PDB file of N, CA and C in Angstrom:
ATOM      1  N   UNK A   1      21.256 -59.925  72.981  1.00  0.00           N
ATOM      2  CA  UNK A   1      20.196 -60.486  72.499  1.00  0.00           C
ATOM      3  C   UNK A   1      19.154 -59.408  71.381  1.00  0.00           C
ATOM      4  N   UNK A   2      18.734 -58.441  71.724  1.00  0.00           N
ATOM      5  CA  UNK A   2      18.155 -57.534  70.568  1.00  0.00           C
ATOM      6  C   UNK A   2      19.083 -56.671  69.974  1.00  0.00           C
ATOM      7  N   UNK A   3      20.875 -56.957  70.184  1.00  0.00           N
ATOM      8  CA  UNK A   3      21.774 -55.814  69.639  1.00  0.00           C
ATOM      9  C   UNK A   3      21.962 -56.807  68.398  1.00  0.00           C
ATOM     10  N   UNK A   4      22.104 -58.293  68.383  1.00  0.00           N
ATOM     11  CA  UNK A   4      22.227 -59.374  68.119  1.00  0.00           C
ATOM     12  C   UNK A   4      21.246 -58.741  66.735  1.00  0.00           C
ATOM     13  N   UNK A   5      19.668 -59.296  67.117  1.00  0.00           N
ATOM     14  CA  UNK A   5      18.902 -59.171  66.113  1.00  0.00           C
ATOM     15  C   UNK A   5      19.267 -57.874  64.744  1.00  0.00           C
ATOM     16  N   UNK A   6      19.413 -56.859  65.854  1.00  0.00           N
ATOM     17  CA  UNK A   6      19.582 -55.303  65.285  1.00  0.00           C
ATOM     18  C   UNK A   6      20.821 -55.169  64.119  1.00  0.00           C
ATOM     19  N   UNK A   7      21.390 -56.228  64.588  1.00  0.00           N
ATOM     20  CA  UNK A   7      22.868 -55.773  63.515  1.00  0.00           C
ATOM     21  C   UNK A   7      22.128 -56.528  62.757  1.00  0.00           C
ATOM     22  N   UNK A   8      21.707 -58.040  63.115  1.00  0.00           N
ATOM     23  CA  UNK A   8      21.660 -58.663  61.697  1.00  0.00           C
ATOM     24  C   UNK A   8      20.814 -58.023  60.796  1.00  0.00           C
ATOM     25  N   UNK A   9      19.870 -57.212  61.158  1.00  0.00           N
ATOM     26  CA  UNK A   9      18.269 -56.635  60.344  1.00  0.00           C
ATOM     27  C   UNK A   9      19.057 -55.174  59.195  1.00  0.00           C
ATOM     28  N   UNK A  10      20.457 -54.523  60.125  1.00  0.00           N
ATOM     29  CA  UNK A  10      20.797 -53.801  59.768  1.00  0.00           C
ATOM     30  C   UNK A  10      21.662 -54.243  58.298  1.00  0.00           C
ATOM     31  N   UNK A  11      22.140 -55.189  58.662  1.00  0.00           N
ATOM     32  CA  UNK A  11      23.700 -55.953  57.922  1.00  0.00           C
ATOM     33  C   UNK A  11      22.384 -56.350  56.503  1.00  0.00           C
ATOM     34  N   UNK A  12      21.327 -57.417  56.675  1.00  0.00           N
ATOM     35  CA  UNK A  12      20.386 -57.673  55.857  1.00  0.00           C
ATOM     36  C   UNK A  12      20.129 -56.029  54.886  1.00  0.00           C
ATOM     37  N   UNK A  13      19.648 -54.922  55.252  1.00  0.00           N
ATOM     38  CA  UNK A  13      18.835 -53.863  54.794  1.00  0.00           C
ATOM     39  C   UNK A  13      19.945 -53.247  54.156  1.00  0.00           C
ATOM     40  N   UNK A  14      21.270 -53.347  54.296  1.00  0.00           N
ATOM     41  CA  UNK A  14      22.074 -52.888  54.141  1.00  0.00           C
ATOM     42  C   UNK A  14      22.801 -53.554  52.375  1.00  0.00           C
ATOM     43  N   UNK A  15      22.560 -54.714  52.653  1.00  0.00           N
ATOM     44  CA  UNK A  15      23.136 -55.490  51.613  1.00  0.00           C
ATOM     45  C   UNK A  15      22.444 -55.864  50.850  1.00  0.00           C
ATOM     46  N   UNK A  16      21.222 -55.091  50.512  1.00  0.00           N
ATOM     47  CA  UNK A  16      20.469 -55.677  49.817  1.00  0.00           C
ATOM     48  C   UNK A  16      19.785 -54.943  48.585  1.00  0.00           C
ATOM     49  N   UNK A  17      20.551 -53.919  48.115  1.00  0.00           N
ATOM     50  CA  UNK A  17      20.982 -53.161  47.373  1.00  0.00           C
ATOM     51  C   UNK A  17      21.833 -53.405  46.503  1.00  0.00           C
ATOM     52  N   UNK A  18      22.727 -53.985  47.209  1.00  0.00           N
ATOM     53  CA  UNK A  18      23.949 -54.568  46.079  1.00  0.00           C
ATOM     54  C   UNK A  18      23.677 -55.802  45.587  1.00  0.00           C
ATOM     55  N   UNK A  19      23.024 -56.673  46.396  1.00  0.00           N
ATOM     56  CA  UNK A  19      22.184 -57.885  45.188  1.00  0.00           C
ATOM     57  C   UNK A  19      21.397 -57.569  44.115  1.00  0.00           C
ATOM     58  N   UNK A  20      20.561 -56.388  44.122  1.00  0.00           N
ATOM     59  CA  UNK A  20      19.950 -56.194  43.535  1.00  0.00           C
ATOM     60  C   UNK A  20      20.417 -54.998  42.007  1.00  0.00           C
ATOM     61  N   UNK A  21      21.827 -54.773  42.304  1.00  0.00           N
ATOM     62  CA  UNK A  21      22.188 -54.367  41.907  1.00  0.00           C
ATOM     63  C   UNK A  21      23.291 -55.231  40.597  1.00  0.00           C
ATOM     64  N   UNK A  22      23.494 -56.225  41.026  1.00  0.00           N
ATOM     65  CA  UNK A  22      24.154 -57.282  40.843  1.00  0.00           C
ATOM     66  C   UNK A  22      23.404 -58.254  39.615  1.00  0.00           C
ATOM     67  N   UNK A  23      22.282 -58.271  39.877  1.00  0.00           N
ATOM     68  CA  UNK A  23      21.500 -59.369  39.284  1.00  0.00           C
ATOM     69  C   UNK A  23      21.042 -57.961  37.318  1.00  0.00           C
ATOM     70  N   UNK A  24      20.759 -56.878  38.142  1.00  0.00           N
ATOM     71  CA  UNK A  24      20.465 -55.535  37.220  1.00  0.00           C
ATOM     72  C   UNK A  24      21.973 -55.543  36.044  1.00  0.00           C
ATOM     73  N   UNK A  25      23.015 -55.912  36.404  1.00  0.00           N
ATOM     74  CA  UNK A  25      24.270 -55.476  35.359  1.00  0.00           C
ATOM     75  C   UNK A  25      24.289 -56.736  35.140  1.00  0.00           C
ATOM     76  N   UNK A  26      23.722 -58.323  35.259  1.00  0.00           N
ATOM     77  CA  UNK A  26      24.179 -59.131  34.279  1.00  0.00           C
ATOM     78  C   UNK A  26      23.672 -59.307  32.341  1.00  0.00           C
ATOM     79  N   UNK A  27      24.726 -59.765  31.902  1.00  0.00           N
ATOM     80  CA  UNK A  27      24.093 -59.356  30.660  1.00  0.00           C
ATOM     81  C   UNK A  27      22.940 -60.182  29.822  1.00  0.00           C
ATOM     82  N   UNK A  28      22.410 -59.301  29.167  1.00  0.00           N
ATOM     83  CA  UNK A  28      21.369 -59.369  27.880  1.00  0.00           C
ATOM     84  C   UNK A  28      21.527 -60.367  27.130  1.00  0.00           C
ATOM     85  N   UNK A  29      22.963 -60.202  26.551  1.00  0.00           N
ATOM     86  CA  UNK A  29      23.140 -61.309  25.376  1.00  0.00           C
ATOM     87  C   UNK A  29      24.157 -62.252  25.487  1.00  0.00           C
ATOM     88  N   UNK A  30      24.096 -63.231  24.679  1.00  0.00           N
ATOM     89  CA  UNK A  30      25.292 -64.011  24.905  1.00  0.00           C
ATOM     90  C   UNK A  30      25.464 -64.847  23.230  1.00  0.00           C
ATOM     91  N   UNK A  31      26.630 -65.023  23.406  1.00  0.00           N
ATOM     92  CA  UNK A  31      27.663 -65.509  21.945  1.00  0.00           C
ATOM     93  C   UNK A  31      27.799 -66.396  22.142  1.00  0.00           C
ATOM     94  N   UNK A  32      27.577 -67.810  21.824  1.00  0.00           N
ATOM     95  CA  UNK A  32      27.365 -69.177  21.311  1.00  0.00           C
ATOM     96  C   UNK A  32      28.678 -69.545  20.227  1.00  0.00           C
ATOM     97  N   UNK A  33      29.261 -69.886  20.401  1.00  0.00           N
ATOM     98  CA  UNK A  33      31.058 -70.335  18.807  1.00  0.00           C
ATOM     99  C   UNK A  33      30.707 -70.971  19.052  1.00  0.00           C
ATOM    100  N   UNK A  34      30.761 -71.817  17.704  1.00  0.00           N
ATOM    101  CA  UNK A  34      30.322 -73.875  17.524  1.00  0.00           C
ATOM    102  C   UNK A  34      30.909 -73.530  16.564  1.00  0.00           C
ATOM    103  N   UNK A  35      32.095 -74.763  16.293  1.00  0.00           N
ATOM    104  CA  UNK A  35      33.444 -75.500  15.950  1.00  0.00           C
ATOM    105  C   UNK A  35      33.135 -76.523  15.161  1.00  0.00           C
ATOM    106  N   UNK A  36      33.013 -76.792  14.471  1.00  0.00           N
ATOM    107  CA  UNK A  36      32.895 -78.496  13.119  1.00  0.00           C
ATOM    108  C   UNK A  36      34.159 -78.177  13.027  1.00  0.00           C
ATOM    109  N   UNK A  37      34.322 -80.100  12.396  1.00  0.00           N
ATOM    110  CA  UNK A  37      35.240 -80.008  11.184  1.00  0.00           C
ATOM    111  C   UNK A  37      34.815 -80.675  10.387  1.00  0.00           C
ATOM    112  N   UNK A  38      34.863 -80.657   9.511  1.00  0.00           N
ATOM    113  CA  UNK A  38      33.791 -81.356   7.953  1.00  0.00           C
ATOM    114  C   UNK A  38      34.448 -82.531   7.523  1.00  0.00           C
ATOM    115  N   UNK A  39      34.214 -83.402   6.789  1.00  0.00           N
ATOM    116  CA  UNK A  39      35.041 -84.425   6.070  1.00  0.00           C
ATOM    117  C   UNK A  39      35.762 -83.727   5.479  1.00  0.00           C
ATOM    118  N   UNK A  40      36.123 -83.021   4.258  1.00  0.00           N
ATOM    119  CA  UNK A  40      37.083 -82.352   3.842  1.00  0.00           C
ATOM    120  C   UNK A  40      38.138 -81.916   4.436  1.00  0.00           C
ATOM    121  N   UNK A  41      38.224 -81.884   5.734  1.00  0.00           N
ATOM    122  CA  UNK A  41      39.448 -81.103   6.158  1.00  0.00           C
ATOM    123  C   UNK A  41      38.548 -79.146   6.622  1.00  0.00           C
ATOM    124  N   UNK A  42      37.721 -78.688   6.520  1.00  0.00           N
ATOM    125  CA  UNK A  42      37.613 -77.609   6.543  1.00  0.00           C
ATOM    126  C   UNK A  42      37.389 -77.515   7.997  1.00  0.00           C
ATOM    127  N   UNK A  43      37.317 -76.309   8.259  1.00  0.00           N
ATOM    128  CA  UNK A  43      37.457 -75.962  10.043  1.00  0.00           C
ATOM    129  C   UNK A  43      35.724 -75.080   9.788  1.00  0.00           C
ATOM    130  N   UNK A  44      34.476 -75.185  10.205  1.00  0.00           N
ATOM    131  CA  UNK A  44      33.464 -74.208  10.265  1.00  0.00           C
ATOM    132  C   UNK A  44      33.206 -73.403  11.931  1.00  0.00           C
ATOM    133  N   UNK A  45      33.073 -72.093  11.684  1.00  0.00           N
ATOM    134  CA  UNK A  45      32.786 -71.838  12.910  1.00  0.00           C
ATOM    135  C   UNK A  45      31.694 -70.917  12.251  1.00  0.00           C
ATOM    136  N   UNK A  46      30.826 -70.986  13.444  1.00  0.00           N
ATOM    137  CA  UNK A  46      29.197 -70.077  13.373  1.00  0.00           C
ATOM    138  C   UNK A  46      29.243 -69.623  14.865  1.00  0.00           C
ATOM    139  N   UNK A  47      29.394 -68.536  14.431  1.00  0.00           N
ATOM    140  CA  UNK A  47      29.074 -67.789  16.098  1.00  0.00           C
ATOM    141  C   UNK A  47      27.365 -67.092  15.727  1.00  0.00           C
ATOM    142  N   UNK A  48      26.513 -67.517  16.960  1.00  0.00           N
ATOM    143  CA  UNK A  48      25.357 -67.034  17.266  1.00  0.00           C
ATOM    144  C   UNK A  48      24.461 -66.481  18.573  1.00  0.00           C
ATOM    145  N   UNK A  49      24.508 -65.289  18.214  1.00  0.00           N
ATOM    146  CA  UNK A  49      23.639 -64.377  19.363  1.00  0.00           C
ATOM    147  C   UNK A  49      22.196 -64.640  19.964  1.00  0.00           C
ATOM    148  N   UNK A  50      22.420 -65.041  21.265  1.00  0.00           N
ATOM    149  CA  UNK A  50      21.127 -64.812  21.560  1.00  0.00           C
ATOM    150  C   UNK A  50      20.332 -64.138  21.333  1.00  0.00           C
ATOM    151  N   UNK A  51      19.124 -63.871  21.286  1.00  0.00           N
ATOM    152  CA  UNK A  51      18.043 -63.224  21.827  1.00  0.00           C
ATOM    153  C   UNK A  51      18.334 -62.024  23.053  1.00  0.00           C
ATOM    154  N   UNK A  52      17.277 -61.047  23.205  1.00  0.00           N
ATOM    155  CA  UNK A  52      17.117 -60.249  24.494  1.00  0.00           C
ATOM    156  C   UNK A  52      16.200 -61.414  25.339  1.00  0.00           C
ATOM    157  N   UNK A  53      16.720 -61.199  26.062  1.00  0.00           N
ATOM    158  CA  UNK A  53      15.710 -61.838  27.533  1.00  0.00           C
ATOM    159  C   UNK A  53      14.763 -60.623  28.000  1.00  0.00           C
ATOM    160  N   UNK A  54      13.996 -60.388  28.001  1.00  0.00           N
ATOM    161  CA  UNK A  54      12.494 -59.439  28.032  1.00  0.00           C
ATOM    162  C   UNK A  54      11.783 -59.747  29.172  1.00  0.00           C
ATOM    163  N   UNK A  55      12.134 -58.820  30.043  1.00  0.00           N
ATOM    164  CA  UNK A  55      11.049 -58.702  31.303  1.00  0.00           C
ATOM    165  C   UNK A  55      10.915 -57.592  31.223  1.00  0.00           C
ATOM    166  N   UNK A  56       9.107 -57.948  31.944  1.00  0.00           N
ATOM    167  CA  UNK A  56       8.339 -56.891  32.605  1.00  0.00           C
ATOM    168  C   UNK A  56       9.098 -55.379  32.969  1.00  0.00           C
ATOM    169  N   UNK A  57       8.734 -54.299  32.224  1.00  0.00           N
ATOM    170  CA  UNK A  57       9.343 -53.424  33.425  1.00  0.00           C
ATOM    171  C   UNK A  57      10.316 -52.687  31.936  1.00  0.00           C
ATOM    172  N   UNK A  58      10.712 -53.214  31.557  1.00  0.00           N
ATOM    173  CA  UNK A  58      12.123 -52.883  30.322  1.00  0.00           C
ATOM    174  C   UNK A  58      11.862 -52.420  29.673  1.00  0.00           C
ATOM    175  N   UNK A  59      11.921 -51.424  28.797  1.00  0.00           N
ATOM    176  CA  UNK A  59      11.885 -50.769  27.749  1.00  0.00           C
ATOM    177  C   UNK A  59      11.760 -51.374  26.449  1.00  0.00           C
ATOM    178  N   UNK A  60      11.531 -51.092  26.256  1.00  0.00           N
ATOM    179  CA  UNK A  60      11.310 -52.677  24.708  1.00  0.00           C
ATOM    180  C   UNK A  60      11.973 -51.365  23.605  1.00  0.00           C
ATOM    181  N   UNK A  61      12.970 -51.629  22.397  1.00  0.00           N
ATOM    182  CA  UNK A  61      13.220 -50.846  21.666  1.00  0.00           C
ATOM    183  C   UNK A  61      13.083 -52.333  20.251  1.00  0.00           C
ATOM    184  N   UNK A  62      13.255 -51.415  19.444  1.00  0.00           N
ATOM    185  CA  UNK A  62      13.082 -52.340  17.686  1.00  0.00           C
ATOM    186  C   UNK A  62      14.661 -53.224  17.624  1.00  0.00           C
ATOM    187  N   UNK A  63      14.772 -52.116  17.924  1.00  0.00           N
ATOM    188  CA  UNK A  63      16.617 -52.229  17.903  1.00  0.00           C
ATOM    189  C   UNK A  63      17.920 -53.489  18.751  1.00  0.00           C
ATOM    190  N   UNK A  64      16.591 -53.488  19.834  1.00  0.00           N
ATOM    191  CA  UNK A  64      17.070 -55.074  20.070  1.00  0.00           C
ATOM    192  C   UNK A  64      15.794 -56.449  20.072  1.00  0.00           C
ATOM    193  N   UNK A  65      15.296 -56.546  19.332  1.00  0.00           N
ATOM    194  CA  UNK A  65      14.197 -57.366  18.398  1.00  0.00           C
ATOM    195  C   UNK A  65      14.156 -57.773  17.665  1.00  0.00           C
ATOM    196  N   UNK A  66      15.597 -59.122  17.534  1.00  0.00           N
ATOM    197  CA  UNK A  66      15.636 -59.844  16.537  1.00  0.00           C
ATOM    198  C   UNK A  66      14.322 -60.101  16.141  1.00  0.00           C
ATOM    199  N   UNK A  67      14.181 -60.268  14.657  1.00  0.00           N
ATOM    200  CA  UNK A  67      12.959 -61.393  13.934  1.00  0.00           C
ATOM    201  C   UNK A  67      11.435 -59.689  14.640  1.00  0.00           C
ATOM    202  N   UNK A  68      11.626 -58.718  14.533  1.00  0.00           N
ATOM    203  CA  UNK A  68      10.533 -57.498  15.421  1.00  0.00           C
ATOM    204  C   UNK A  68       9.740 -57.406  13.849  1.00  0.00           C
ATOM    205  N   UNK A  69       7.811 -57.254  14.601  1.00  0.00           N
ATOM    206  CA  UNK A  69       6.856 -57.684  13.555  1.00  0.00           C
ATOM    207  C   UNK A  69       5.970 -57.321  14.711  1.00  0.00           C
ATOM    208  N   UNK A  70       5.113 -56.455  14.563  1.00  0.00           N
ATOM    209  CA  UNK A  70       4.052 -56.476  15.314  1.00  0.00           C
ATOM    210  C   UNK A  70       2.638 -57.537  14.828  1.00  0.00           C
ATOM    211  N   UNK A  71       2.121 -58.024  15.770  1.00  0.00           N
ATOM    212  CA  UNK A  71       1.265 -59.062  15.376  1.00  0.00           C
ATOM    213  C   UNK A  71      -0.020 -58.215  15.620  1.00  0.00           C
ATOM    214  N   UNK A  72      -0.506 -58.325  14.715  1.00  0.00           N
ATOM    215  CA  UNK A  72      -1.888 -57.795  14.592  1.00  0.00           C
ATOM    216  C   UNK A  72      -3.679 -59.062  14.589  1.00  0.00           C
ATOM    217  N   UNK A  73      -3.080 -60.465  14.239  1.00  0.00           N
ATOM    218  CA  UNK A  73      -4.034 -61.367  14.191  1.00  0.00           C
ATOM    219  C   UNK A  73      -3.135 -61.792  15.315  1.00  0.00           C
ATOM    220  N   UNK A  74      -3.422 -61.464  16.746  1.00  0.00           N
ATOM    221  CA  UNK A  74      -3.576 -62.266  18.204  1.00  0.00           C
ATOM    222  C   UNK A  74      -3.884 -63.174  18.338  1.00  0.00           C
ATOM    223  N   UNK A  75      -5.209 -63.353  17.544  1.00  0.00           N
ATOM    224  CA  UNK A  75      -6.155 -64.548  17.964  1.00  0.00           C
ATOM    225  C   UNK A  75      -5.279 -66.260  17.512  1.00  0.00           C
ATOM    226  N   UNK A  76      -4.485 -65.892  16.761  1.00  0.00           N
ATOM    227  CA  UNK A  76      -4.412 -66.669  15.875  1.00  0.00           C
ATOM    228  C   UNK A  76      -2.587 -67.916  16.648  1.00  0.00           C
ATOM    229  N   UNK A  77      -2.958 -66.934  17.811  1.00  0.00           N
ATOM    230  CA  UNK A  77      -1.630 -66.894  19.150  1.00  0.00           C
ATOM    231  C   UNK A  77      -2.228 -67.088  19.780  1.00  0.00           C
ATOM    232  N   UNK A  78      -3.209 -67.609  20.342  1.00  0.00           N
ATOM    233  CA  UNK A  78      -4.297 -67.606  21.425  1.00  0.00           C
ATOM    234  C   UNK A  78      -2.947 -66.473  22.375  1.00  0.00           C
ATOM    235  N   UNK A  79      -3.346 -65.373  22.335  1.00  0.00           N
ATOM    236  CA  UNK A  79      -2.804 -64.002  22.872  1.00  0.00           C
ATOM    237  C   UNK A  79      -4.779 -63.388  23.039  1.00  0.00           C
ATOM    238  N   UNK A  80      -4.166 -62.736  24.339  1.00  0.00           N
ATOM    239  CA  UNK A  80      -5.249 -61.708  24.405  1.00  0.00           C
ATOM    240  C   UNK A  80      -5.448 -60.444  23.601  1.00  0.00           C
ATOM    241  N   UNK A  81      -6.474 -60.202  23.417  1.00  0.00           N
ATOM    242  CA  UNK A  81      -6.839 -58.559  23.302  1.00  0.00           C
ATOM    243  C   UNK A  81      -6.212 -57.724  23.420  1.00  0.00           C
ATOM    244  N   UNK A  82      -5.075 -57.126  23.417  1.00  0.00           N
ATOM    245  CA  UNK A  82      -4.536 -55.536  23.770  1.00  0.00           C
ATOM    246  C   UNK A  82      -4.947 -54.925  24.312  1.00  0.00           C
ATOM    247  N   UNK A  83      -5.258 -53.610  25.031  1.00  0.00           N
ATOM    248  CA  UNK A  83      -6.030 -52.943  25.585  1.00  0.00           C
ATOM    249  C   UNK A  83      -5.835 -51.786  24.858  1.00  0.00           C
ATOM    250  N   UNK A  84      -5.896 -50.646  24.895  1.00  0.00           N
ATOM    251  CA  UNK A  84      -6.065 -49.516  23.321  1.00  0.00           C
ATOM    252  C   UNK A  84      -4.526 -48.939  23.360  1.00  0.00           C
ATOM    253  N   UNK A  85      -5.026 -48.684  22.503  1.00  0.00           N
ATOM    254  CA  UNK A  85      -2.414 -48.061  22.584  1.00  0.00           C
ATOM    255  C   UNK A  85      -2.004 -49.670  22.631  1.00  0.00           C
ATOM    256  N   UNK A  86      -2.106 -50.432  23.368  1.00  0.00           N
ATOM    257  CA  UNK A  86      -0.881 -51.514  23.906  1.00  0.00           C
ATOM    258  C   UNK A  86      -0.962 -52.201  21.797  1.00  0.00           C
ATOM    259  N   UNK A  87       0.533 -52.819  22.258  1.00  0.00           N
ATOM    260  CA  UNK A  87       0.033 -53.518  20.882  1.00  0.00           C
ATOM    261  C   UNK A  87       1.266 -55.110  21.420  1.00  0.00           C
ATOM    262  N   UNK A  88       0.877 -56.198  20.514  1.00  0.00           N
ATOM    263  CA  UNK A  88       2.136 -57.165  21.218  1.00  0.00           C
ATOM    264  C   UNK A  88       2.667 -57.125  19.502  1.00  0.00           C
ATOM    265  N   UNK A  89       4.130 -57.972  20.175  1.00  0.00           N
ATOM    266  CA  UNK A  89       5.020 -57.541  18.805  1.00  0.00           C
ATOM    267  C   UNK A  89       5.989 -58.841  19.619  1.00  0.00           C
ATOM    268  N   UNK A  90       6.282 -59.275  17.604  1.00  0.00           N
ATOM    269  CA  UNK A  90       7.355 -60.552  17.834  1.00  0.00           C
ATOM    270  C   UNK A  90       9.062 -60.036  18.060  1.00  0.00           C
ATOM    271  N   UNK A  91       9.325 -61.165  18.902  1.00  0.00           N
ATOM    272  CA  UNK A  91      10.955 -60.595  19.488  1.00  0.00           C
ATOM    273  C   UNK A  91      11.513 -62.015  19.414  1.00  0.00           C
ATOM    274  N   UNK A  92      12.347 -62.164  18.557  1.00  0.00           N
ATOM    275  CA  UNK A  92      13.050 -63.663  17.883  1.00  0.00           C
ATOM    276  C   UNK A  92      11.664 -65.132  18.385  1.00  0.00           C
ATOM    277  N   UNK A  93      11.432 -65.260  19.352  1.00  0.00           N
ATOM    278  CA  UNK A  93      10.831 -66.606  19.309  1.00  0.00           C
ATOM    279  C   UNK A  93       9.364 -65.884  19.842  1.00  0.00           C
ATOM    280  N   UNK A  94       9.510 -64.947  20.881  1.00  0.00           N
ATOM    281  CA  UNK A  94       8.998 -64.969  22.001  1.00  0.00           C
ATOM    282  C   UNK A  94       7.819 -63.414  21.546  1.00  0.00           C
ATOM    283  N   UNK A  95       6.627 -63.647  22.621  1.00  0.00           N
ATOM    284  CA  UNK A  95       5.525 -62.634  21.110  1.00  0.00           C
ATOM    285  C   UNK A  95       5.879 -61.671  23.504  1.00  0.00           C
ATOM    286  N   UNK A  96       5.799 -60.105  22.625  1.00  0.00           N
ATOM    287  CA  UNK A  96       5.571 -59.142  24.034  1.00  0.00           C
ATOM    288  C   UNK A  96       4.839 -58.580  23.765  1.00  0.00           C
ATOM    289  N   UNK A  97       4.323 -57.570  25.222  1.00  0.00           N
ATOM    290  CA  UNK A  97       3.004 -56.654  25.311  1.00  0.00           C
ATOM    291  C   UNK A  97       3.508 -55.595  25.738  1.00  0.00           C
ATOM    292  N   UNK A  98       3.362 -54.579  24.544  1.00  0.00           N
ATOM    293  CA  UNK A  98       3.960 -52.906  24.831  1.00  0.00           C
ATOM    294  C   UNK A  98       3.084 -52.054  24.880  1.00  0.00           C
ATOM    295  N   UNK A  99       3.657 -51.288  26.191  1.00  0.00           N
ATOM    296  CA  UNK A  99       2.515 -50.247  26.307  1.00  0.00           C
ATOM    297  C   UNK A  99       2.480 -49.072  25.212  1.00  0.00           C
ATOM    298  N   UNK A 100       2.256 -47.891  25.660  1.00  0.00           N
ATOM    299  CA  UNK A 100       1.810 -46.610  24.423  1.00  0.00           C
ATOM    300  C   UNK A 100       3.289 -46.202  24.759  1.00  0.00           C
ATOM    301  N   UNK A 101       3.940 -46.518  26.073  1.00  0.00           N
ATOM    302  CA  UNK A 101       5.263 -45.188  26.318  1.00  0.00           C
ATOM    303  C   UNK A 101       6.312 -46.709  26.604  1.00  0.00           C
ATOM    304  N   UNK A 102       6.086 -47.343  25.630  1.00  0.00           N
ATOM    305  CA  UNK A 102       7.481 -48.293  25.002  1.00  0.00           C
ATOM    306  C   UNK A 102       8.136 -49.605  26.102  1.00  0.00           C
ATOM    307  N   UNK A 103       6.734 -49.470  27.020  1.00  0.00           N
ATOM    308  CA  UNK A 103       7.594 -50.650  28.457  1.00  0.00           C
ATOM    309  C   UNK A 103       7.481 -52.069  28.239  1.00  0.00           C
ATOM    310  N   UNK A 104       7.726 -52.989  28.090  1.00  0.00           N
ATOM    311  CA  UNK A 104       6.746 -54.184  28.360  1.00  0.00           C
ATOM    312  C   UNK A 104       5.460 -54.490  29.965  1.00  0.00           C
ATOM    313  N   UNK A 105       4.596 -54.957  29.156  1.00  0.00           N
ATOM    314  CA  UNK A 105       4.245 -55.599  30.464  1.00  0.00           C
ATOM    315  C   UNK A 105       3.576 -57.217  30.295  1.00  0.00           C
ATOM    316  N   UNK A 106       3.750 -57.895  29.322  1.00  0.00           N
ATOM    317  CA  UNK A 106       4.233 -59.135  29.952  1.00  0.00           C
ATOM    318  C   UNK A 106       4.805 -60.146  27.976  1.00  0.00           C
ATOM    319  N   UNK A 107       5.444 -61.185  28.566  1.00  0.00           N
ATOM    320  CA  UNK A 107       5.669 -62.087  27.627  1.00  0.00           C
ATOM    321  C   UNK A 107       5.958 -63.037  28.028  1.00  0.00           C
ATOM    322  N   UNK A 108       5.101 -63.425  26.343  1.00  0.00           N
ATOM    323  CA  UNK A 108       4.832 -65.308  26.289  1.00  0.00           C
ATOM    324  C   UNK A 108       6.207 -65.861  25.914  1.00  0.00           C
ATOM    325  N   UNK A 109       7.620 -66.624  26.379  1.00  0.00           N
ATOM    326  CA  UNK A 109       8.224 -67.304  25.669  1.00  0.00           C
ATOM    327  C   UNK A 109       8.400 -68.155  24.605  1.00  0.00           C
ATOM    328  N   UNK A 110       8.680 -68.337  23.695  1.00  0.00           N
ATOM    329  CA  UNK A 110       8.881 -69.511  22.985  1.00  0.00           C
ATOM    330  C   UNK A 110       7.580 -69.559  21.601  1.00  0.00           C
ATOM    331  N   UNK A 111       6.891 -68.692  21.738  1.00  0.00           N
ATOM    332  CA  UNK A 111       5.380 -68.655  21.001  1.00  0.00           C
ATOM    333  C   UNK A 111       5.861 -69.117  19.966  1.00  0.00           C
ATOM    334  N   UNK A 112       6.702 -68.329  19.250  1.00  0.00           N
ATOM    335  CA  UNK A 112       6.862 -68.990  17.387  1.00  0.00           C
ATOM    336  C   UNK A 112       8.380 -70.167  17.390  1.00  0.00           C
ATOM    337  N   UNK A 113       7.378 -70.960  16.478  1.00  0.00           N
ATOM    338  CA  UNK A 113       9.247 -71.553  16.342  1.00  0.00           C
ATOM    339  C   UNK A 113      10.089 -71.487  15.361  1.00  0.00           C
TER     340      UNK A 113
END
């Protein structure tokens, strides 16, 4: 019985890094293509790329942030005051709190319309 439990624990410990690496390798962007046919017979193809899915601990880079702006009037968006050196940034519809070294601390999703 002891050997069975020990082997199960060993298998769990061996498999956990593999599962974590698969989750990290998931794509951060998704492209949506919409095809519509108008009444006049023309076909309209619209391609749209979704925004970056920010998570705490990730490095914030402005080139990955659509509609990037620094938020200075954070009170009007009901955001807490950032600590010294930290700043709120807009990325698409999200507000992201960024450390001075460029890592994400907090994400408020869907804050902007």
